[in-house]
Amino acid sequence: DNAGPIPVSAHTLVFGRIGGGFIIDNVLLTAEVPTILLDAITPPGGGSAVINPGSETGTLHFGTHLVNAAPLTGNIQVENVLPAGSVTVDFLATSGEAQFSRQGGLTSVIGAPGGTADRDYQLDISSRGTFTGTATIQDQAGGGMEDVLTVSLSGRAVAPQVADADGTSSGAGNVRVGTSANSTISVQNVGDGSLLGAAL
Protein backbone atom coordinates (compact mmCIF):
# COMPACT_ATOMS: atom_id res chain seq x y z
CA ASP A 1 0.00 0.00 0.00
CA ASN A 2 1.13 3.55 -0.67
CA ALA A 3 0.50 5.00 2.77
CA GLY A 4 2.83 7.98 2.37
CA PRO A 5 6.40 8.64 3.52
CA ILE A 6 7.95 6.24 6.02
CA PRO A 7 10.45 7.98 8.33
CA VAL A 8 13.49 5.71 8.35
CA SER A 9 17.23 6.11 8.59
CA ALA A 10 18.89 7.47 5.50
CA HIS A 11 20.81 4.17 5.29
CA THR A 12 17.80 1.82 5.56
CA LEU A 13 16.02 0.23 2.59
CA VAL A 14 12.57 -1.33 2.75
CA PHE A 15 11.94 -4.24 0.31
CA GLY A 16 8.81 -5.92 -0.97
CA ARG A 17 8.81 -9.44 -2.38
CA ILE A 18 6.89 -10.58 -5.45
CA GLY A 19 7.33 -14.16 -6.65
CA GLY A 20 10.99 -15.07 -6.67
CA GLY A 21 12.40 -11.55 -6.79
CA PHE A 22 12.72 -8.46 -4.65
CA ILE A 23 11.54 -5.00 -5.65
CA ILE A 24 11.21 -1.63 -4.01
CA ASP A 25 7.60 -0.64 -4.49
CA ASN A 26 5.67 2.42 -3.35
CA VAL A 27 8.15 3.30 -0.58
CA LEU A 28 9.42 6.84 -0.07
CA LEU A 29 12.57 6.91 2.02
CA THR A 30 13.09 10.00 4.16
CA ALA A 31 15.83 10.96 6.58
CA GLU A 32 15.17 12.51 9.97
CA VAL A 33 15.33 16.29 9.61
CA PRO A 34 17.37 18.03 12.35
CA THR A 35 15.77 20.96 14.12
CA ILE A 36 18.80 22.54 15.85
CA LEU A 37 22.55 22.46 15.33
CA LEU A 38 25.51 24.09 17.07
CA ASP A 39 26.16 27.43 15.42
CA ALA A 40 29.00 28.95 17.45
CA ILE A 41 31.05 28.28 20.61
CA THR A 42 32.97 31.23 22.07
CA PRO A 43 35.63 30.48 24.71
CA PRO A 44 37.05 32.97 27.22
CA GLY A 45 40.50 34.44 26.63
CA GLY A 46 43.11 31.70 26.73
CA GLY A 47 40.54 29.01 25.94
CA SER A 48 39.58 27.14 22.80
CA ALA A 49 36.50 25.69 21.13
CA VAL A 50 35.67 23.11 18.44
CA ILE A 51 32.44 22.32 16.60
CA ASN A 52 32.66 18.78 15.21
CA PRO A 53 31.38 17.81 11.74
CA GLY A 54 27.59 17.52 11.83
CA SER A 55 27.41 20.31 14.42
CA GLU A 56 25.76 18.10 17.05
CA THR A 57 28.82 17.87 19.33
CA GLY A 58 31.61 20.23 20.29
CA THR A 59 34.10 21.22 22.97
CA LEU A 60 34.51 24.34 25.08
CA HIS A 61 37.88 24.51 26.83
CA PHE A 62 38.18 27.38 29.29
CA GLY A 63 41.98 27.12 29.37
CA THR A 64 44.41 27.12 32.29
CA HIS A 65 44.28 30.13 34.61
CA LEU A 66 45.54 31.20 38.01
CA VAL A 67 43.09 30.73 40.86
CA ASN A 68 40.84 33.78 40.92
CA ALA A 69 37.60 34.86 42.56
CA ALA A 70 36.17 35.97 39.19
CA PRO A 71 34.68 33.11 37.13
CA LEU A 72 35.45 32.50 33.45
CA THR A 73 32.65 32.80 30.89
CA GLY A 74 32.12 31.07 27.54
CA ASN A 75 29.11 31.06 25.20
CA ILE A 76 27.25 28.38 23.22
CA GLN A 77 24.90 29.34 20.39
CA VAL A 78 22.49 27.07 18.50
CA GLU A 79 20.60 27.63 15.24
CA ASN A 80 17.10 26.72 14.08
CA VAL A 81 17.72 24.62 10.94
CA LEU A 82 14.12 23.64 10.23
CA PRO A 83 12.95 24.45 6.70
CA ALA A 84 10.00 26.33 8.21
CA GLY A 85 8.57 27.18 11.61
CA SER A 86 9.86 27.86 15.10
CA VAL A 87 11.61 25.53 17.53
CA THR A 88 11.63 25.52 21.34
CA VAL A 89 15.03 24.78 22.85
CA ASP A 90 16.01 23.73 26.39
CA PHE A 91 19.50 24.63 27.64
CA LEU A 92 19.73 21.98 30.36
CA ALA A 93 21.71 22.41 33.57
CA THR A 94 25.34 21.37 33.19
CA SER A 95 26.39 17.92 34.34
CA GLY A 96 29.76 16.90 35.75
CA GLU A 97 31.70 19.00 38.22
CA ALA A 98 29.88 21.68 40.17
CA GLN A 99 32.34 24.40 39.09
CA PHE A 100 30.45 24.64 35.77
CA SER A 101 27.10 26.39 35.53
CA ARG A 102 24.65 27.63 32.91
CA GLN A 103 23.72 31.31 33.11
CA GLY A 104 20.21 32.42 32.22
CA GLY A 105 16.92 30.57 31.89
CA LEU A 106 16.17 27.06 30.72
CA THR A 107 14.07 27.63 27.59
CA SER A 108 14.27 29.75 24.45
CA VAL A 109 11.97 29.89 21.42
CA ILE A 110 13.76 30.42 18.10
CA GLY A 111 11.04 31.92 15.96
CA ALA A 112 12.26 31.38 12.41
CA PRO A 113 14.65 29.22 10.37
CA GLY A 114 18.16 30.61 10.60
CA GLY A 115 17.45 32.22 13.96
CA THR A 116 19.68 31.54 16.96
CA ALA A 117 19.63 31.32 20.74
CA ASP A 118 22.56 31.20 23.13
CA ARG A 119 23.59 30.88 26.75
CA ASP A 120 26.67 31.80 28.75
CA TYR A 121 28.43 29.06 30.68
CA GLN A 122 30.74 29.80 33.59
CA LEU A 123 33.66 28.01 35.26
CA ASP A 124 34.37 28.83 38.91
CA ILE A 125 38.17 28.98 39.35
CA SER A 126 38.22 30.06 42.99
CA SER A 127 40.01 26.82 43.93
CA ARG A 128 42.74 24.71 42.34
CA GLY A 129 41.82 21.77 40.17
CA THR A 130 41.13 20.30 36.74
CA PHE A 131 37.43 20.34 35.92
CA THR A 132 35.25 18.59 33.32
CA GLY A 133 31.55 18.72 32.55
CA THR A 134 28.92 18.63 29.79
CA ALA A 135 26.49 21.18 28.41
CA THR A 136 23.37 19.65 26.83
CA ILE A 137 20.90 21.46 24.58
CA GLN A 138 17.79 19.81 23.12
CA ASP A 139 14.55 20.69 21.40
CA GLN A 140 11.13 19.92 22.86
CA ALA A 141 9.98 17.46 20.18
CA GLY A 142 9.15 14.84 22.83
CA GLY A 143 8.44 11.17 22.27
CA GLY A 144 12.13 10.32 22.17
CA MET A 145 12.55 12.31 18.94
CA GLU A 146 14.45 15.24 20.48
CA ASP A 147 17.53 16.60 18.75
CA VAL A 148 20.22 16.55 21.46
CA LEU A 149 23.41 18.61 21.20
CA THR A 150 26.31 18.08 23.62
CA VAL A 151 29.35 20.24 24.34
CA SER A 152 32.20 18.90 26.48
CA LEU A 153 33.43 21.44 29.04
CA SER A 154 36.91 21.55 30.56
CA GLY A 155 39.23 23.93 32.34
CA ARG A 156 41.97 24.18 34.96
CA ALA A 157 42.76 26.51 37.85
CA VAL A 158 46.32 26.58 39.15
CA ALA A 159 48.11 28.26 42.04
CA PRO A 160 50.98 30.72 41.67
CA GLN A 161 54.31 28.97 41.30
CA VAL A 162 56.02 30.25 44.45
CA ALA A 163 55.11 31.28 47.99
CA ASP A 164 56.90 33.98 49.94
CA ALA A 165 60.55 33.23 50.54
CA ASP A 166 61.43 32.27 54.12
CA GLY A 167 64.26 34.47 55.30
CA THR A 168 63.66 34.18 59.03
CA SER A 169 66.84 32.19 59.58
CA SER A 170 68.95 33.77 56.88
CA GLY A 171 71.19 35.89 59.12
CA ALA A 172 74.89 35.08 58.95
CA GLY A 173 75.67 36.56 62.35
CA ASN A 174 78.81 38.55 63.07
CA VAL A 175 81.42 38.13 60.36
CA ARG A 176 85.02 39.19 60.85
CA VAL A 177 86.47 41.45 58.18
CA GLY A 178 88.31 39.42 55.60
CA THR A 179 86.29 36.26 56.24
CA SER A 180 82.99 34.95 54.93
CA ALA A 181 79.91 33.14 56.21
CA ASN A 182 76.95 31.35 54.67
CA SER A 183 73.30 32.35 54.86
CA THR A 184 70.30 30.31 53.63
CA ILE A 185 66.98 31.51 52.20
CA SER A 186 64.30 28.85 51.58
CA VAL A 187 61.87 29.08 48.70
CA GLN A 188 59.01 26.61 48.50
CA ASN A 189 57.13 25.86 45.28
CA VAL A 190 53.48 25.41 46.28
CA GLY A 191 52.10 25.90 42.80
CA ASP A 192 51.30 23.72 39.79
CA GLY A 193 54.24 24.48 37.49
CA SER A 194 58.01 24.25 37.44
CA LEU A 195 59.93 26.91 39.34
CA LEU A 196 63.04 28.32 37.71
CA GLY A 197 65.41 30.82 39.26
CA ALA A 198 68.98 31.87 39.85
CA ALA A 199 70.94 33.14 42.85
CA LEU A 200 72.09 36.74 42.43
C-alpha atoms as a PDB file:
ATOM      1  CA  ASP A   1       0.000   0.000   0.000  1.00  0.00           C
ATOM      2  CA  ASN A   2       1.128   3.555  -0.667  1.00  0.00           C
ATOM      3  CA  ALA A   3       0.503   5.005   2.775  1.00  0.00           C
ATOM      4  CA  GLY A   4       2.829   7.981   2.368  1.00  0.00           C
ATOM      5  CA  PRO A   5       6.403   8.636   3.525  1.00  0.00           C
ATOM      6  CA  ILE A   6       7.951   6.241   6.018  1.00  0.00           C
ATOM      7  CA  PRO A   7      10.446   7.979   8.334  1.00  0.00           C
ATOM      8  CA  VAL A   8      13.486   5.714   8.348  1.00  0.00           C
ATOM      9  CA  SER A   9      17.226   6.109   8.588  1.00  0.00           C
ATOM     10  CA  ALA A  10      18.891   7.471   5.500  1.00  0.00           C
ATOM     11  CA  HIS A  11      20.808   4.167   5.292  1.00  0.00           C
ATOM     12  CA  THR A  12      17.796   1.824   5.559  1.00  0.00           C
ATOM     13  CA  LEU A  13      16.023   0.228   2.588  1.00  0.00           C
ATOM     14  CA  VAL A  14      12.571  -1.331   2.749  1.00  0.00           C
ATOM     15  CA  PHE A  15      11.941  -4.238   0.315  1.00  0.00           C
ATOM     16  CA  GLY A  16       8.809  -5.918  -0.973  1.00  0.00           C
ATOM     17  CA  ARG A  17       8.812  -9.441  -2.376  1.00  0.00           C
ATOM     18  CA  ILE A  18       6.890 -10.580  -5.452  1.00  0.00           C
ATOM     19  CA  GLY A  19       7.335 -14.162  -6.654  1.00  0.00           C
ATOM     20  CA  GLY A  20      10.993 -15.066  -6.673  1.00  0.00           C
ATOM     21  CA  GLY A  21      12.403 -11.546  -6.793  1.00  0.00           C
ATOM     22  CA  PHE A  22      12.718  -8.455  -4.653  1.00  0.00           C
ATOM     23  CA  ILE A  23      11.535  -5.000  -5.650  1.00  0.00           C
ATOM     24  CA  ILE A  24      11.212  -1.628  -4.007  1.00  0.00           C
ATOM     25  CA  ASP A  25       7.597  -0.644  -4.488  1.00  0.00           C
ATOM     26  CA  ASN A  26       5.671   2.421  -3.352  1.00  0.00           C
ATOM     27  CA  VAL A  27       8.146   3.298  -0.575  1.00  0.00           C
ATOM     28  CA  LEU A  28       9.415   6.843  -0.072  1.00  0.00           C
ATOM     29  CA  LEU A  29      12.568   6.913   2.015  1.00  0.00           C
ATOM     30  CA  THR A  30      13.093  10.004   4.158  1.00  0.00           C
ATOM     31  CA  ALA A  31      15.830  10.961   6.583  1.00  0.00           C
ATOM     32  CA  GLU A  32      15.172  12.515   9.973  1.00  0.00           C
ATOM     33  CA  VAL A  33      15.331  16.288   9.612  1.00  0.00           C
ATOM     34  CA  PRO A  34      17.372  18.035  12.350  1.00  0.00           C
ATOM     35  CA  THR A  35      15.773  20.964  14.124  1.00  0.00           C
ATOM     36  CA  ILE A  36      18.795  22.543  15.849  1.00  0.00           C
ATOM     37  CA  LEU A  37      22.548  22.459  15.330  1.00  0.00           C
ATOM     38  CA  LEU A  38      25.506  24.086  17.065  1.00  0.00           C
ATOM     39  CA  ASP A  39      26.155  27.432  15.419  1.00  0.00           C
ATOM     40  CA  ALA A  40      29.004  28.949  17.451  1.00  0.00           C
ATOM     41  CA  ILE A  41      31.045  28.276  20.607  1.00  0.00           C
ATOM     42  CA  THR A  42      32.969  31.230  22.067  1.00  0.00           C
ATOM     43  CA  PRO A  43      35.630  30.484  24.712  1.00  0.00           C
ATOM     44  CA  PRO A  44      37.053  32.969  27.217  1.00  0.00           C
ATOM     45  CA  GLY A  45      40.501  34.445  26.632  1.00  0.00           C
ATOM     46  CA  GLY A  46      43.111  31.703  26.734  1.00  0.00           C
ATOM     47  CA  GLY A  47      40.542  29.012  25.943  1.00  0.00           C
ATOM     48  CA  SER A  48      39.577  27.136  22.797  1.00  0.00           C
ATOM     49  CA  ALA A  49      36.499  25.686  21.128  1.00  0.00           C
ATOM     50  CA  VAL A  50      35.674  23.109  18.435  1.00  0.00           C
ATOM     51  CA  ILE A  51      32.438  22.323  16.602  1.00  0.00           C
ATOM     52  CA  ASN A  52      32.656  18.783  15.208  1.00  0.00           C
ATOM     53  CA  PRO A  53      31.377  17.807  11.742  1.00  0.00           C
ATOM     54  CA  GLY A  54      27.594  17.523  11.827  1.00  0.00           C
ATOM     55  CA  SER A  55      27.407  20.308  14.416  1.00  0.00           C
ATOM     56  CA  GLU A  56      25.765  18.100  17.054  1.00  0.00           C
ATOM     57  CA  THR A  57      28.825  17.866  19.334  1.00  0.00           C
ATOM     58  CA  GLY A  58      31.607  20.231  20.288  1.00  0.00           C
ATOM     59  CA  THR A  59      34.095  21.219  22.973  1.00  0.00           C
ATOM     60  CA  LEU A  60      34.511  24.344  25.079  1.00  0.00           C
ATOM     61  CA  HIS A  61      37.883  24.505  26.826  1.00  0.00           C
ATOM     62  CA  PHE A  62      38.178  27.381  29.287  1.00  0.00           C
ATOM     63  CA  GLY A  63      41.977  27.122  29.368  1.00  0.00           C
ATOM     64  CA  THR A  64      44.407  27.116  32.292  1.00  0.00           C
ATOM     65  CA  HIS A  65      44.277  30.128  34.614  1.00  0.00           C
ATOM     66  CA  LEU A  66      45.542  31.202  38.010  1.00  0.00           C
ATOM     67  CA  VAL A  67      43.094  30.731  40.857  1.00  0.00           C
ATOM     68  CA  ASN A  68      40.841  33.782  40.916  1.00  0.00           C
ATOM     69  CA  ALA A  69      37.595  34.857  42.563  1.00  0.00           C
ATOM     70  CA  ALA A  70      36.166  35.973  39.187  1.00  0.00           C
ATOM     71  CA  PRO A  71      34.684  33.107  37.129  1.00  0.00           C
ATOM     72  CA  LEU A  72      35.447  32.503  33.447  1.00  0.00           C
ATOM     73  CA  THR A  73      32.645  32.803  30.888  1.00  0.00           C
ATOM     74  CA  GLY A  74      32.117  31.068  27.543  1.00  0.00           C
ATOM     75  CA  ASN A  75      29.115  31.063  25.202  1.00  0.00           C
ATOM     76  CA  ILE A  76      27.253  28.383  23.218  1.00  0.00           C
ATOM     77  CA  GLN A  77      24.903  29.341  20.388  1.00  0.00           C
ATOM     78  CA  VAL A  78      22.490  27.066  18.504  1.00  0.00           C
ATOM     79  CA  GLU A  79      20.599  27.627  15.242  1.00  0.00           C
ATOM     80  CA  ASN A  80      17.096  26.716  14.080  1.00  0.00           C
ATOM     81  CA  VAL A  81      17.723  24.623  10.940  1.00  0.00           C
ATOM     82  CA  LEU A  82      14.117  23.645  10.233  1.00  0.00           C
ATOM     83  CA  PRO A  83      12.951  24.450   6.696  1.00  0.00           C
ATOM     84  CA  ALA A  84      10.000  26.329   8.209  1.00  0.00           C
ATOM     85  CA  GLY A  85       8.569  27.180  11.612  1.00  0.00           C
ATOM     86  CA  SER A  86       9.863  27.856  15.095  1.00  0.00           C
ATOM     87  CA  VAL A  87      11.610  25.531  17.525  1.00  0.00           C
ATOM     88  CA  THR A  88      11.629  25.522  21.337  1.00  0.00           C
ATOM     89  CA  VAL A  89      15.029  24.783  22.854  1.00  0.00           C
ATOM     90  CA  ASP A  90      16.011  23.730  26.388  1.00  0.00           C
ATOM     91  CA  PHE A  91      19.497  24.630  27.640  1.00  0.00           C
ATOM     92  CA  LEU A  92      19.732  21.977  30.355  1.00  0.00           C
ATOM     93  CA  ALA A  93      21.713  22.406  33.569  1.00  0.00           C
ATOM     94  CA  THR A  94      25.341  21.366  33.191  1.00  0.00           C
ATOM     95  CA  SER A  95      26.394  17.916  34.337  1.00  0.00           C
ATOM     96  CA  GLY A  96      29.757  16.895  35.752  1.00  0.00           C
ATOM     97  CA  GLU A  97      31.700  19.005  38.217  1.00  0.00           C
ATOM     98  CA  ALA A  98      29.880  21.682  40.167  1.00  0.00           C
ATOM     99  CA  GLN A  99      32.339  24.395  39.093  1.00  0.00           C
ATOM    100  CA  PHE A 100      30.452  24.637  35.765  1.00  0.00           C
ATOM    101  CA  SER A 101      27.102  26.393  35.529  1.00  0.00           C
ATOM    102  CA  ARG A 102      24.652  27.634  32.907  1.00  0.00           C
ATOM    103  CA  GLN A 103      23.725  31.305  33.108  1.00  0.00           C
ATOM    104  CA  GLY A 104      20.210  32.425  32.220  1.00  0.00           C
ATOM    105  CA  GLY A 105      16.925  30.572  31.891  1.00  0.00           C
ATOM    106  CA  LEU A 106      16.172  27.056  30.719  1.00  0.00           C
ATOM    107  CA  THR A 107      14.073  27.625  27.590  1.00  0.00           C
ATOM    108  CA  SER A 108      14.268  29.753  24.451  1.00  0.00           C
ATOM    109  CA  VAL A 109      11.970  29.889  21.420  1.00  0.00           C
ATOM    110  CA  ILE A 110      13.761  30.420  18.099  1.00  0.00           C
ATOM    111  CA  GLY A 111      11.042  31.922  15.960  1.00  0.00           C
ATOM    112  CA  ALA A 112      12.259  31.380  12.413  1.00  0.00           C
ATOM    113  CA  PRO A 113      14.652  29.220  10.370  1.00  0.00           C
ATOM    114  CA  GLY A 114      18.163  30.608  10.596  1.00  0.00           C
ATOM    115  CA  GLY A 115      17.449  32.219  13.964  1.00  0.00           C
ATOM    116  CA  THR A 116      19.684  31.539  16.955  1.00  0.00           C
ATOM    117  CA  ALA A 117      19.629  31.316  20.741  1.00  0.00           C
ATOM    118  CA  ASP A 118      22.561  31.204  23.127  1.00  0.00           C
ATOM    119  CA  ARG A 119      23.586  30.884  26.749  1.00  0.00           C
ATOM    120  CA  ASP A 120      26.670  31.801  28.751  1.00  0.00           C
ATOM    121  CA  TYR A 121      28.430  29.055  30.684  1.00  0.00           C
ATOM    122  CA  GLN A 122      30.740  29.797  33.591  1.00  0.00           C
ATOM    123  CA  LEU A 123      33.657  28.015  35.255  1.00  0.00           C
ATOM    124  CA  ASP A 124      34.369  28.828  38.909  1.00  0.00           C
ATOM    125  CA  ILE A 125      38.171  28.980  39.351  1.00  0.00           C
ATOM    126  CA  SER A 126      38.224  30.064  42.992  1.00  0.00           C
ATOM    127  CA  SER A 127      40.012  26.819  43.935  1.00  0.00           C
ATOM    128  CA  ARG A 128      42.741  24.709  42.338  1.00  0.00           C
ATOM    129  CA  GLY A 129      41.819  21.766  40.167  1.00  0.00           C
ATOM    130  CA  THR A 130      41.134  20.300  36.742  1.00  0.00           C
ATOM    131  CA  PHE A 131      37.430  20.338  35.919  1.00  0.00           C
ATOM    132  CA  THR A 132      35.249  18.591  33.322  1.00  0.00           C
ATOM    133  CA  GLY A 133      31.548  18.715  32.553  1.00  0.00           C
ATOM    134  CA  THR A 134      28.921  18.630  29.791  1.00  0.00           C
ATOM    135  CA  ALA A 135      26.487  21.183  28.414  1.00  0.00           C
ATOM    136  CA  THR A 136      23.367  19.648  26.830  1.00  0.00           C
ATOM    137  CA  ILE A 137      20.898  21.459  24.581  1.00  0.00           C
ATOM    138  CA  GLN A 138      17.793  19.813  23.121  1.00  0.00           C
ATOM    139  CA  ASP A 139      14.549  20.688  21.398  1.00  0.00           C
ATOM    140  CA  GLN A 140      11.126  19.915  22.861  1.00  0.00           C
ATOM    141  CA  ALA A 141       9.984  17.457  20.184  1.00  0.00           C
ATOM    142  CA  GLY A 142       9.147  14.843  22.828  1.00  0.00           C
ATOM    143  CA  GLY A 143       8.437  11.172  22.274  1.00  0.00           C
ATOM    144  CA  GLY A 144      12.127  10.318  22.169  1.00  0.00           C
ATOM    145  CA  MET A 145      12.549  12.309  18.941  1.00  0.00           C
ATOM    146  CA  GLU A 146      14.447  15.239  20.476  1.00  0.00           C
ATOM    147  CA  ASP A 147      17.526  16.599  18.752  1.00  0.00           C
ATOM    148  CA  VAL A 148      20.223  16.548  21.457  1.00  0.00           C
ATOM    149  CA  LEU A 149      23.411  18.607  21.199  1.00  0.00           C
ATOM    150  CA  THR A 150      26.310  18.082  23.622  1.00  0.00           C
ATOM    151  CA  VAL A 151      29.348  20.235  24.336  1.00  0.00           C
ATOM    152  CA  SER A 152      32.198  18.895  26.476  1.00  0.00           C
ATOM    153  CA  LEU A 153      33.430  21.437  29.037  1.00  0.00           C
ATOM    154  CA  SER A 154      36.905  21.546  30.561  1.00  0.00           C
ATOM    155  CA  GLY A 155      39.234  23.931  32.344  1.00  0.00           C
ATOM    156  CA  ARG A 156      41.973  24.175  34.957  1.00  0.00           C
ATOM    157  CA  ALA A 157      42.756  26.506  37.847  1.00  0.00           C
ATOM    158  CA  VAL A 158      46.321  26.576  39.149  1.00  0.00           C
ATOM    159  CA  ALA A 159      48.109  28.256  42.040  1.00  0.00           C
ATOM    160  CA  PRO A 160      50.984  30.723  41.668  1.00  0.00           C
ATOM    161  CA  GLN A 161      54.307  28.974  41.300  1.00  0.00           C
ATOM    162  CA  VAL A 162      56.019  30.245  44.448  1.00  0.00           C
ATOM    163  CA  ALA A 163      55.110  31.284  47.985  1.00  0.00           C
ATOM    164  CA  ASP A 164      56.895  33.984  49.944  1.00  0.00           C
ATOM    165  CA  ALA A 165      60.546  33.234  50.544  1.00  0.00           C
ATOM    166  CA  ASP A 166      61.426  32.267  54.118  1.00  0.00           C
ATOM    167  CA  GLY A 167      64.258  34.474  55.304  1.00  0.00           C
ATOM    168  CA  THR A 168      63.658  34.178  59.033  1.00  0.00           C
ATOM    169  CA  SER A 169      66.839  32.187  59.584  1.00  0.00           C
ATOM    170  CA  SER A 170      68.955  33.770  56.885  1.00  0.00           C
ATOM    171  CA  GLY A 171      71.186  35.890  59.117  1.00  0.00           C
ATOM    172  CA  ALA A 172      74.888  35.077  58.947  1.00  0.00           C
ATOM    173  CA  GLY A 173      75.674  36.564  62.347  1.00  0.00           C
ATOM    174  CA  ASN A 174      78.813  38.554  63.068  1.00  0.00           C
ATOM    175  CA  VAL A 175      81.422  38.129  60.358  1.00  0.00           C
ATOM    176  CA  ARG A 176      85.019  39.186  60.852  1.00  0.00           C
ATOM    177  CA  VAL A 177      86.470  41.452  58.181  1.00  0.00           C
ATOM    178  CA  GLY A 178      88.306  39.418  55.603  1.00  0.00           C
ATOM    179  CA  THR A 179      86.290  36.256  56.240  1.00  0.00           C
ATOM    180  CA  SER A 180      82.989  34.949  54.926  1.00  0.00           C
ATOM    181  CA  ALA A 181      79.915  33.144  56.206  1.00  0.00           C
ATOM    182  CA  ASN A 182      76.945  31.353  54.675  1.00  0.00           C
ATOM    183  CA  SER A 183      73.296  32.349  54.860  1.00  0.00           C
ATOM    184  CA  THR A 184      70.300  30.315  53.627  1.00  0.00           C
ATOM    185  CA  ILE A 185      66.985  31.508  52.195  1.00  0.00           C
ATOM    186  CA  SER A 186      64.298  28.850  51.583  1.00  0.00           C
ATOM    187  CA  VAL A 187      61.874  29.076  48.697  1.00  0.00           C
ATOM    188  CA  GLN A 188      59.006  26.609  48.500  1.00  0.00           C
ATOM    189  CA  ASN A 189      57.134  25.860  45.277  1.00  0.00           C
ATOM    190  CA  VAL A 190      53.477  25.415  46.278  1.00  0.00           C
ATOM    191  CA  GLY A 191      52.095  25.897  42.796  1.00  0.00           C
ATOM    192  CA  ASP A 192      51.300  23.717  39.794  1.00  0.00           C
ATOM    193  CA  GLY A 193      54.239  24.476  37.492  1.00  0.00           C
ATOM    194  CA  SER A 194      58.005  24.251  37.438  1.00  0.00           C
ATOM    195  CA  LEU A 195      59.929  26.910  39.341  1.00  0.00           C
ATOM    196  CA  LEU A 196      63.042  28.324  37.715  1.00  0.00           C
ATOM    197  CA  GLY A 197      65.414  30.824  39.261  1.00  0.00           C
ATOM    198  CA  ALA A 198      68.980  31.866  39.854  1.00  0.00           C
ATOM    199  CA  ALA A 199      70.937  33.137  42.850  1.00  0.00           C
ATOM    200  CA  LEU A 200      72.087  36.745  42.430  1.00  0.00           C
END
